[in-house]
Amino acid sequence: MATIQAVLPDTLGFCPSRYGPMVYPVGDAYVGRSLATYHEYSEGEVALFRQLVRPGDTVVEAGANIGALTLPLARLVGTAGQVLAFEPQRGIHSLLVTNLTLNGLEFVRAERVALGTEAGEIMVPLLSLKESANFGGVSVGGEAGEPCPVRTLDSYRLSALSLIKADVEGAEGQVIAGALDTIRRLRPVLYVENDRPGKSASLIAAIMDLGYRLWWHMVPLFNPGNFRGSPDNIFGPVGSLNMICVPAEREAHVAGGA
């Protein structure tokens, strides 16, 4: 660990995380800070994934960030499976690829693409990794930044899909709208962030119209059983608010859903 840290710039940190070695921006308010303090991030989400994902599965992750949840998803599907990880921020995408390479996860497909309703381009804020910021809370589609390709998930013409995970800062509905054929054909479980009051009702309606049952899933950032064994909750009550969405025709009991 000390050897790797010695060759990194001061803006990047390194930790032997629960799921493998990871490099992260030291100024990141949540993902990086959690990795630095606990050597893991949002372990409550991983506990859910263990109920949903099996070896050989295909998983789509929209908004993969630096891979803190991509790594455990990849460990769950194994080399017989596939993870398609999408991250539009150039610097963050570079760290995603770095972390996948450090862990030998060559079967993960990491694309600098924003999933959306139709093909095109979108502007993505260009944040330096030297900054102190919430790199996981960057919204795309404004006037400033640099262009990033937009594709629909349907355009990938997947033949199998077990889970779509979408954490894209209010654009979850656009990911779903660009995946209607895929969802109708393959009936994956959907796990989507839903923390924008102005967009919540339309997101819920769109998913219910596809024939899904929904549960809320609130995940605190602090895990008392964290990998580093730290008793200190540096995040207080902060967590993520997501929905677990299961096809209505499937029998399901999801521990932790409300």
C-alpha atoms as a PDB file:
ATOM      1  CA  MET A   1       0.000   0.000   0.000  1.00  0.00           C
ATOM      2  CA  ALA A   2       2.738   2.457   0.952  1.00  0.00           C
ATOM      3  CA  THR A   3       4.544   1.804  -2.357  1.00  0.00           C
ATOM      4  CA  ILE A   4       1.477   2.568  -4.468  1.00  0.00           C
ATOM      5  CA  GLN A   5       0.615   5.674  -2.457  1.00  0.00           C
ATOM      6  CA  ALA A   6       4.168   6.930  -2.898  1.00  0.00           C
ATOM      7  CA  VAL A   7       3.783   7.150  -6.678  1.00  0.00           C
ATOM      8  CA  LEU A   8       0.374   8.828  -6.621  1.00  0.00           C
ATOM      9  CA  PRO A   9      -0.085  12.598  -6.695  1.00  0.00           C
ATOM     10  CA  ASP A  10      -1.263  14.250  -3.488  1.00  0.00           C
ATOM     11  CA  THR A  11      -4.756  14.582  -4.988  1.00  0.00           C
ATOM     12  CA  LEU A  12      -5.239  10.801  -5.090  1.00  0.00           C
ATOM     13  CA  GLY A  13      -5.411   8.295  -2.259  1.00  0.00           C
ATOM     14  CA  PHE A  14      -5.143   4.515  -2.180  1.00  0.00           C
ATOM     15  CA  CYS A  15      -6.747   1.890   0.042  1.00  0.00           C
ATOM     16  CA  PRO A  16      -6.993  -1.907   0.179  1.00  0.00           C
ATOM     17  CA  SER A  17     -10.790  -1.856   0.086  1.00  0.00           C
ATOM     18  CA  ARG A  18     -13.140  -4.660   1.033  1.00  0.00           C
ATOM     19  CA  TYR A  19     -13.340  -5.741  -2.631  1.00  0.00           C
ATOM     20  CA  GLY A  20      -9.828  -4.964  -3.797  1.00  0.00           C
ATOM     21  CA  PRO A  21      -7.331  -2.103  -4.100  1.00  0.00           C
ATOM     22  CA  MET A  22      -8.790   1.258  -5.080  1.00  0.00           C
ATOM     23  CA  VAL A  23      -7.532   4.699  -6.035  1.00  0.00           C
ATOM     24  CA  TYR A  24      -9.797   7.641  -5.216  1.00  0.00           C
ATOM     25  CA  PRO A  25      -9.780  11.472  -5.206  1.00  0.00           C
ATOM     26  CA  VAL A  26      -8.843  12.638  -1.718  1.00  0.00           C
ATOM     27  CA  GLY A  27     -11.135  15.663  -2.091  1.00  0.00           C
ATOM     28  CA  ASP A  28     -14.243  13.610  -2.822  1.00  0.00           C
ATOM     29  CA  ALA A  29     -16.899  14.342  -0.213  1.00  0.00           C
ATOM     30  CA  TYR A  30     -18.556  10.928  -0.019  1.00  0.00           C
ATOM     31  CA  VAL A  31     -17.134   8.036  -2.062  1.00  0.00           C
ATOM     32  CA  GLY A  32     -13.490   9.016  -1.577  1.00  0.00           C
ATOM     33  CA  ARG A  33     -13.963   9.992   2.049  1.00  0.00           C
ATOM     34  CA  SER A  34     -15.739   6.717   2.789  1.00  0.00           C
ATOM     35  CA  LEU A  35     -12.987   4.672   1.142  1.00  0.00           C
ATOM     36  CA  ALA A  36     -10.323   6.603   3.055  1.00  0.00           C
ATOM     37  CA  THR A  37     -12.080   6.172   6.403  1.00  0.00           C
ATOM     38  CA  TYR A  38     -13.787   2.787   6.130  1.00  0.00           C
ATOM     39  CA  HIS A  39     -12.134   1.078   3.117  1.00  0.00           C
ATOM     40  CA  GLU A  40     -15.617   0.512   1.665  1.00  0.00           C
ATOM     41  CA  TYR A  41     -18.553   2.486   0.308  1.00  0.00           C
ATOM     42  CA  SER A  42     -22.325   1.972   0.783  1.00  0.00           C
ATOM     43  CA  GLU A  43     -22.037  -1.621   1.924  1.00  0.00           C
ATOM     44  CA  GLY A  44     -25.810  -1.721   2.469  1.00  0.00           C
ATOM     45  CA  GLU A  45     -26.243  -1.638  -1.299  1.00  0.00           C
ATOM     46  CA  VAL A  46     -23.828  -4.538  -1.726  1.00  0.00           C
ATOM     47  CA  ALA A  47     -25.841  -6.554   0.816  1.00  0.00           C
ATOM     48  CA  LEU A  48     -28.847  -6.080  -1.466  1.00  0.00           C
ATOM     49  CA  PHE A  49     -26.888  -7.041  -4.576  1.00  0.00           C
ATOM     50  CA  ARG A  50     -25.981 -10.340  -2.941  1.00  0.00           C
ATOM     51  CA  GLN A  51     -29.700 -11.166  -2.943  1.00  0.00           C
ATOM     52  CA  LEU A  52     -30.173 -10.215  -6.585  1.00  0.00           C
ATOM     53  CA  VAL A  53     -27.016 -11.115  -8.514  1.00  0.00           C
ATOM     54  CA  ARG A  54     -25.594 -14.544  -9.268  1.00  0.00           C
ATOM     55  CA  PRO A  55     -22.444 -15.844 -11.011  1.00  0.00           C
ATOM     56  CA  GLY A  56     -22.804 -15.551 -14.783  1.00  0.00           C
ATOM     57  CA  ASP A  57     -25.299 -12.663 -14.645  1.00  0.00           C
ATOM     58  CA  THR A  58     -25.156  -9.510 -16.740  1.00  0.00           C
ATOM     59  CA  VAL A  59     -25.436  -6.208 -14.863  1.00  0.00           C
ATOM     60  CA  VAL A  60     -25.688  -2.627 -16.118  1.00  0.00           C
ATOM     61  CA  GLU A  61     -24.437   0.174 -13.870  1.00  0.00           C
ATOM     62  CA  ALA A  62     -25.339   3.700 -14.983  1.00  0.00           C
ATOM     63  CA  GLY A  63     -23.270   6.190 -13.010  1.00  0.00           C
ATOM     64  CA  ALA A  64     -20.441   3.877 -11.964  1.00  0.00           C
ATOM     65  CA  ASN A  65     -18.250   6.670 -10.555  1.00  0.00           C
ATOM     66  CA  ILE A  66     -14.780   5.293  -9.678  1.00  0.00           C
ATOM     67  CA  GLY A  67     -16.031   1.723  -9.274  1.00  0.00           C
ATOM     68  CA  ALA A  68     -16.667   1.443  -5.536  1.00  0.00           C
ATOM     69  CA  LEU A  69     -19.810  -0.593  -6.292  1.00  0.00           C
ATOM     70  CA  THR A  70     -18.618  -1.881  -9.669  1.00  0.00           C
ATOM     71  CA  LEU A  71     -15.976  -4.009  -7.949  1.00  0.00           C
ATOM     72  CA  PRO A  72     -18.409  -5.947  -5.719  1.00  0.00           C
ATOM     73  CA  LEU A  73     -20.846  -6.344  -8.630  1.00  0.00           C
ATOM     74  CA  ALA A  74     -18.012  -7.787 -10.713  1.00  0.00           C
ATOM     75  CA  ARG A  75     -17.038 -10.148  -7.882  1.00  0.00           C
ATOM     76  CA  LEU A  76     -20.659 -11.345  -7.721  1.00  0.00           C
ATOM     77  CA  VAL A  77     -21.096 -12.082 -11.440  1.00  0.00           C
ATOM     78  CA  GLY A  78     -17.593 -13.530 -11.801  1.00  0.00           C
ATOM     79  CA  THR A  79     -15.664 -14.124 -15.000  1.00  0.00           C
ATOM     80  CA  ALA A  80     -18.622 -15.946 -16.547  1.00  0.00           C
ATOM     81  CA  GLY A  81     -20.731 -12.807 -16.199  1.00  0.00           C
ATOM     82  CA  GLN A  82     -20.551  -9.256 -17.451  1.00  0.00           C
ATOM     83  CA  VAL A  83     -20.801  -5.772 -15.975  1.00  0.00           C
ATOM     84  CA  LEU A  84     -21.401  -2.799 -18.268  1.00  0.00           C
ATOM     85  CA  ALA A  85     -20.311   0.270 -16.308  1.00  0.00           C
ATOM     86  CA  PHE A  86     -21.138   3.743 -17.627  1.00  0.00           C
ATOM     87  CA  GLU A  87     -19.505   6.919 -16.292  1.00  0.00           C
ATOM     88  CA  PRO A  88     -19.571  10.215 -18.241  1.00  0.00           C
ATOM     89  CA  GLN A  89     -17.059  12.279 -16.192  1.00  0.00           C
ATOM     90  CA  ARG A  90     -13.699  11.975 -17.932  1.00  0.00           C
ATOM     91  CA  GLY A  91     -11.448  12.124 -14.863  1.00  0.00           C
ATOM     92  CA  ILE A  92     -13.707   9.857 -12.820  1.00  0.00           C
ATOM     93  CA  HIS A  93     -14.003   7.418 -15.732  1.00  0.00           C
ATOM     94  CA  SER A  94     -10.197   7.256 -15.863  1.00  0.00           C
ATOM     95  CA  LEU A  95     -10.110   6.245 -12.194  1.00  0.00           C
ATOM     96  CA  LEU A  96     -12.849   3.675 -12.848  1.00  0.00           C
ATOM     97  CA  VAL A  97     -10.665   2.066 -15.520  1.00  0.00           C
ATOM     98  CA  THR A  98      -7.639   2.270 -13.209  1.00  0.00           C
ATOM     99  CA  ASN A  99      -9.470   0.463 -10.414  1.00  0.00           C
ATOM    100  CA  LEU A 100     -10.750  -2.234 -12.750  1.00  0.00           C
ATOM    101  CA  THR A 101      -7.220  -2.752 -14.051  1.00  0.00           C
ATOM    102  CA  LEU A 102      -5.741  -2.897 -10.539  1.00  0.00           C
ATOM    103  CA  ASN A 103      -8.179  -5.719  -9.766  1.00  0.00           C
ATOM    104  CA  GLY A 104      -7.779  -7.649 -13.014  1.00  0.00           C
ATOM    105  CA  LEU A 105     -11.463  -7.234 -13.880  1.00  0.00           C
ATOM    106  CA  GLU A 106     -11.050  -7.389 -17.636  1.00  0.00           C
ATOM    107  CA  PHE A 107     -14.578  -8.691 -18.156  1.00  0.00           C
ATOM    108  CA  VAL A 108     -16.046  -5.371 -16.983  1.00  0.00           C
ATOM    109  CA  ARG A 109     -16.861  -3.053 -19.885  1.00  0.00           C
ATOM    110  CA  ALA A 110     -16.340   0.550 -18.760  1.00  0.00           C
ATOM    111  CA  GLU A 111     -17.577   3.215 -21.169  1.00  0.00           C
ATOM    112  CA  ARG A 112     -17.432   6.994 -21.003  1.00  0.00           C
ATOM    113  CA  VAL A 113     -21.049   7.208 -22.092  1.00  0.00           C
ATOM    114  CA  ALA A 114     -24.188   8.705 -20.574  1.00  0.00           C
ATOM    115  CA  LEU A 115     -27.226   6.449 -20.914  1.00  0.00           C
ATOM    116  CA  GLY A 116     -30.281   8.403 -22.006  1.00  0.00           C
ATOM    117  CA  THR A 117     -33.488   8.531 -24.003  1.00  0.00           C
ATOM    118  CA  GLU A 118     -31.890   8.859 -27.436  1.00  0.00           C
ATOM    119  CA  ALA A 119     -28.470   8.916 -29.065  1.00  0.00           C
ATOM    120  CA  GLY A 120     -26.561  12.173 -29.169  1.00  0.00           C
ATOM    121  CA  GLU A 121     -24.238  14.237 -27.012  1.00  0.00           C
ATOM    122  CA  ILE A 122     -24.553  15.886 -23.630  1.00  0.00           C
ATOM    123  CA  MET A 123     -22.408  18.386 -21.790  1.00  0.00           C
ATOM    124  CA  VAL A 124     -20.645  17.075 -18.696  1.00  0.00           C
ATOM    125  CA  PRO A 125     -19.028  19.398 -16.119  1.00  0.00           C
ATOM    126  CA  LEU A 126     -15.250  19.169 -16.267  1.00  0.00           C
ATOM    127  CA  LEU A 127     -14.082  18.919 -12.654  1.00  0.00           C
ATOM    128  CA  SER A 128     -10.422  18.629 -11.814  1.00  0.00           C
ATOM    129  CA  LEU A 129      -9.544  15.724  -9.535  1.00  0.00           C
ATOM    130  CA  LYS A 130      -7.617  18.309  -7.527  1.00  0.00           C
ATOM    131  CA  GLU A 131     -10.881  19.885  -6.379  1.00  0.00           C
ATOM    132  CA  SER A 132     -12.827  19.212  -3.195  1.00  0.00           C
ATOM    133  CA  ALA A 133     -16.232  18.164  -4.494  1.00  0.00           C
ATOM    134  CA  ASN A 134     -18.956  15.562  -4.483  1.00  0.00           C
ATOM    135  CA  PHE A 135     -17.881  13.831  -7.677  1.00  0.00           C
ATOM    136  CA  GLY A 136     -20.775  11.397  -7.316  1.00  0.00           C
ATOM    137  CA  GLY A 137     -23.301  14.240  -7.292  1.00  0.00           C
ATOM    138  CA  VAL A 138     -22.535  15.856 -10.649  1.00  0.00           C
ATOM    139  CA  SER A 139     -25.544  16.460 -12.905  1.00  0.00           C
ATOM    140  CA  VAL A 140     -25.025  16.485 -16.665  1.00  0.00           C
ATOM    141  CA  GLY A 141     -26.826  18.362 -19.395  1.00  0.00           C
ATOM    142  CA  GLY A 142     -25.981  21.977 -18.636  1.00  0.00           C
ATOM    143  CA  GLU A 143     -24.262  24.453 -20.938  1.00  0.00           C
ATOM    144  CA  ALA A 144     -20.777  24.241 -19.431  1.00  0.00           C
ATOM    145  CA  GLY A 145     -18.302  21.388 -19.610  1.00  0.00           C
ATOM    146  CA  GLU A 146     -17.264  19.034 -22.379  1.00  0.00           C
ATOM    147  CA  PRO A 147     -19.343  16.809 -24.669  1.00  0.00           C
ATOM    148  CA  CYS A 148     -19.932  13.163 -23.865  1.00  0.00           C
ATOM    149  CA  PRO A 149     -21.675  10.609 -26.085  1.00  0.00           C
ATOM    150  CA  VAL A 150     -25.224   9.586 -25.156  1.00  0.00           C
ATOM    151  CA  ARG A 151     -26.541   6.142 -26.032  1.00  0.00           C
ATOM    152  CA  THR A 152     -29.677   4.257 -25.180  1.00  0.00           C
ATOM    153  CA  LEU A 153     -29.342   0.978 -23.349  1.00  0.00           C
ATOM    154  CA  ASP A 154     -31.573  -0.532 -26.050  1.00  0.00           C
ATOM    155  CA  SER A 155     -28.836   0.195 -28.603  1.00  0.00           C
ATOM    156  CA  TYR A 156     -26.605  -2.404 -26.924  1.00  0.00           C
ATOM    157  CA  ARG A 157     -29.099  -5.170 -27.854  1.00  0.00           C
ATOM    158  CA  LEU A 158     -28.316  -7.244 -24.779  1.00  0.00           C
ATOM    159  CA  SER A 159     -29.389 -10.872 -24.825  1.00  0.00           C
ATOM    160  CA  ALA A 160     -29.387 -11.235 -21.029  1.00  0.00           C
ATOM    161  CA  LEU A 161     -29.707  -8.785 -18.141  1.00  0.00           C
ATOM    162  CA  SER A 162     -30.336  -9.398 -14.450  1.00  0.00           C
ATOM    163  CA  LEU A 163     -29.968  -5.923 -12.940  1.00  0.00           C
ATOM    164  CA  ILE A 164     -29.974  -2.283 -13.983  1.00  0.00           C
ATOM    165  CA  LYS A 165     -28.468  -0.028 -11.321  1.00  0.00           C
ATOM    166  CA  ALA A 166     -28.924   3.687 -12.028  1.00  0.00           C
ATOM    167  CA  ASP A 167     -27.495   6.497  -9.906  1.00  0.00           C
ATOM    168  CA  VAL A 168     -27.393   9.425 -12.319  1.00  0.00           C
ATOM    169  CA  GLU A 169     -28.463  12.472 -10.319  1.00  0.00           C
ATOM    170  CA  GLY A 170     -32.048  12.865 -11.467  1.00  0.00           C
ATOM    171  CA  ALA A 171     -31.650  11.348 -14.942  1.00  0.00           C
ATOM    172  CA  GLU A 172     -32.830   7.871 -13.892  1.00  0.00           C
ATOM    173  CA  GLY A 173     -36.073   8.343 -15.836  1.00  0.00           C
ATOM    174  CA  GLN A 174     -34.089   9.001 -19.009  1.00  0.00           C
ATOM    175  CA  VAL A 175     -32.083   5.797 -18.519  1.00  0.00           C
ATOM    176  CA  ILE A 176     -35.345   3.864 -18.174  1.00  0.00           C
ATOM    177  CA  ALA A 177     -36.894   5.584 -21.210  1.00  0.00           C
ATOM    178  CA  GLY A 178     -33.938   4.521 -23.347  1.00  0.00           C
ATOM    179  CA  ALA A 179     -34.177   0.931 -22.125  1.00  0.00           C
ATOM    180  CA  LEU A 180     -37.880   0.139 -22.670  1.00  0.00           C
ATOM    181  CA  ASP A 181     -37.314  -2.659 -25.167  1.00  0.00           C
ATOM    182  CA  THR A 182     -34.545  -4.183 -23.053  1.00  0.00           C
ATOM    183  CA  ILE A 183     -36.686  -4.069 -19.915  1.00  0.00           C
ATOM    184  CA  ARG A 184     -39.736  -5.555 -21.639  1.00  0.00           C
ATOM    185  CA  ARG A 185     -37.689  -8.370 -23.193  1.00  0.00           C
ATOM    186  CA  LEU A 186     -35.370  -9.315 -20.354  1.00  0.00           C
ATOM    187  CA  ARG A 187     -37.253  -8.190 -17.202  1.00  0.00           C
ATOM    188  CA  PRO A 188     -34.247  -7.239 -15.077  1.00  0.00           C
ATOM    189  CA  VAL A 189     -34.533  -6.005 -11.515  1.00  0.00           C
ATOM    190  CA  LEU A 190     -34.185  -2.221 -11.445  1.00  0.00           C
ATOM    191  CA  TYR A 191     -32.333  -0.456  -8.644  1.00  0.00           C
ATOM    192  CA  VAL A 192     -32.627   3.290  -9.103  1.00  0.00           C
ATOM    193  CA  GLU A 193     -31.865   6.320  -7.002  1.00  0.00           C
ATOM    194  CA  ASN A 194     -35.011   8.374  -6.316  1.00  0.00           C
ATOM    195  CA  ASP A 195     -34.109  11.403  -4.209  1.00  0.00           C
ATOM    196  CA  ARG A 196     -35.383  14.253  -6.398  1.00  0.00           C
ATOM    197  CA  PRO A 197     -38.883  15.279  -5.183  1.00  0.00           C
ATOM    198  CA  GLY A 198     -39.709  16.992  -8.465  1.00  0.00           C
ATOM    199  CA  LYS A 199     -38.977  13.851 -10.480  1.00  0.00           C
ATOM    200  CA  SER A 200     -40.017  11.120  -8.059  1.00  0.00           C
ATOM    201  CA  ALA A 201     -43.658  10.694  -9.094  1.00  0.00           C
ATOM    202  CA  SER A 202     -42.918  10.456 -12.814  1.00  0.00           C
ATOM    203  CA  LEU A 203     -40.102   7.950 -12.205  1.00  0.00           C
ATOM    204  CA  ILE A 204     -42.367   5.768 -10.075  1.00  0.00           C
ATOM    205  CA  ALA A 205     -45.160   5.936 -12.664  1.00  0.00           C
ATOM    206  CA  ALA A 206     -42.842   5.036 -15.539  1.00  0.00           C
ATOM    207  CA  ILE A 207     -41.540   1.951 -13.752  1.00  0.00           C
ATOM    208  CA  MET A 208     -44.982   0.828 -12.580  1.00  0.00           C
ATOM    209  CA  ASP A 209     -46.237   1.157 -16.164  1.00  0.00           C
ATOM    210  CA  LEU A 210     -43.654  -1.467 -17.100  1.00  0.00           C
ATOM    211  CA  GLY A 211     -45.261  -3.934 -14.694  1.00  0.00           C
ATOM    212  CA  TYR A 212     -42.986  -3.667 -11.669  1.00  0.00           C
ATOM    213  CA  ARG A 213     -43.466  -3.729  -7.903  1.00  0.00           C
ATOM    214  CA  LEU A 214     -41.464  -1.156  -5.981  1.00  0.00           C
ATOM    215  CA  TRP A 215     -39.865  -0.922  -2.542  1.00  0.00           C
ATOM    216  CA  TRP A 216     -37.950   1.939  -0.957  1.00  0.00           C
ATOM    217  CA  HIS A 217     -34.370   1.221   0.078  1.00  0.00           C
ATOM    218  CA  MET A 218     -32.652   3.738   2.340  1.00  0.00           C
ATOM    219  CA  VAL A 219     -28.935   3.046   2.758  1.00  0.00           C
ATOM    220  CA  PRO A 220     -26.873   4.918   5.394  1.00  0.00           C
ATOM    221  CA  LEU A 221     -23.308   5.695   4.401  1.00  0.00           C
ATOM    222  CA  PHE A 222     -22.000   4.539   7.765  1.00  0.00           C
ATOM    223  CA  ASN A 223     -21.797   0.781   8.254  1.00  0.00           C
ATOM    224  CA  PRO A 224     -21.053  -0.248  11.879  1.00  0.00           C
ATOM    225  CA  GLY A 225     -19.424  -3.415  10.552  1.00  0.00           C
ATOM    226  CA  ASN A 226     -17.211  -1.522   8.104  1.00  0.00           C
ATOM    227  CA  PHE A 227     -14.104  -3.181   6.663  1.00  0.00           C
ATOM    228  CA  ARG A 228     -11.681  -1.014   8.618  1.00  0.00           C
ATOM    229  CA  GLY A 229     -13.492  -1.575  11.908  1.00  0.00           C
ATOM    230  CA  SER A 230     -13.918   2.120  12.649  1.00  0.00           C
ATOM    231  CA  PRO A 231     -16.602   2.970  15.236  1.00  0.00           C
ATOM    232  CA  ASP A 232     -16.771   6.628  14.161  1.00  0.00           C
ATOM    233  CA  ASN A 233     -19.740   7.745  12.074  1.00  0.00           C
ATOM    234  CA  ILE A 234     -18.347  10.676  10.100  1.00  0.00           C
ATOM    235  CA  PHE A 235     -21.462  10.961   7.904  1.00  0.00           C
ATOM    236  CA  GLY A 236     -24.161  11.145  10.586  1.00  0.00           C
ATOM    237  CA  PRO A 237     -27.605  10.311   9.147  1.00  0.00           C
ATOM    238  CA  VAL A 238     -26.576  10.851   5.513  1.00  0.00           C
ATOM    239  CA  GLY A 239     -27.433   8.050   3.113  1.00  0.00           C
ATOM    240  CA  SER A 240     -28.876   7.295  -0.309  1.00  0.00           C
ATOM    241  CA  LEU A 241     -32.562   6.871  -1.154  1.00  0.00           C
ATOM    242  CA  ASN A 242     -33.207   4.246  -3.787  1.00  0.00           C
ATOM    243  CA  MET A 243     -35.973   2.010  -5.116  1.00  0.00           C
ATOM    244  CA  ILE A 244     -35.871  -1.740  -5.639  1.00  0.00           C
ATOM    245  CA  CYS A 245     -38.117  -2.592  -8.584  1.00  0.00           C
ATOM    246  CA  VAL A 246     -39.014  -6.229  -9.307  1.00  0.00           C
ATOM    247  CA  PRO A 247     -41.127  -7.525 -12.212  1.00  0.00           C
ATOM    248  CA  ALA A 248     -44.657  -8.146 -10.957  1.00  0.00           C
ATOM    249  CA  GLU A 249     -44.676 -11.669 -12.395  1.00  0.00           C
ATOM    250  CA  ARG A 250     -41.693 -12.693 -10.260  1.00  0.00           C
ATOM    251  CA  GLU A 251     -42.018 -13.923  -6.704  1.00  0.00           C
ATOM    252  CA  ALA A 252     -39.713 -11.831  -4.581  1.00  0.00           C
ATOM    253  CA  HIS A 253     -38.836 -11.240  -0.982  1.00  0.00           C
ATOM    254  CA  VAL A 254     -36.318  -8.429  -0.670  1.00  0.00           C
ATOM    255  CA  ALA A 255     -34.735  -8.087   2.766  1.00  0.00           C
ATOM    256  CA  GLY A 256     -34.206  -4.453   3.641  1.00  0.00           C
ATOM    257  CA  GLY A 257     -36.859  -3.020   1.331  1.00  0.00           C
ATOM    258  CA  ALA A 258     -39.674  -0.925   2.774  1.00  0.00           C
END
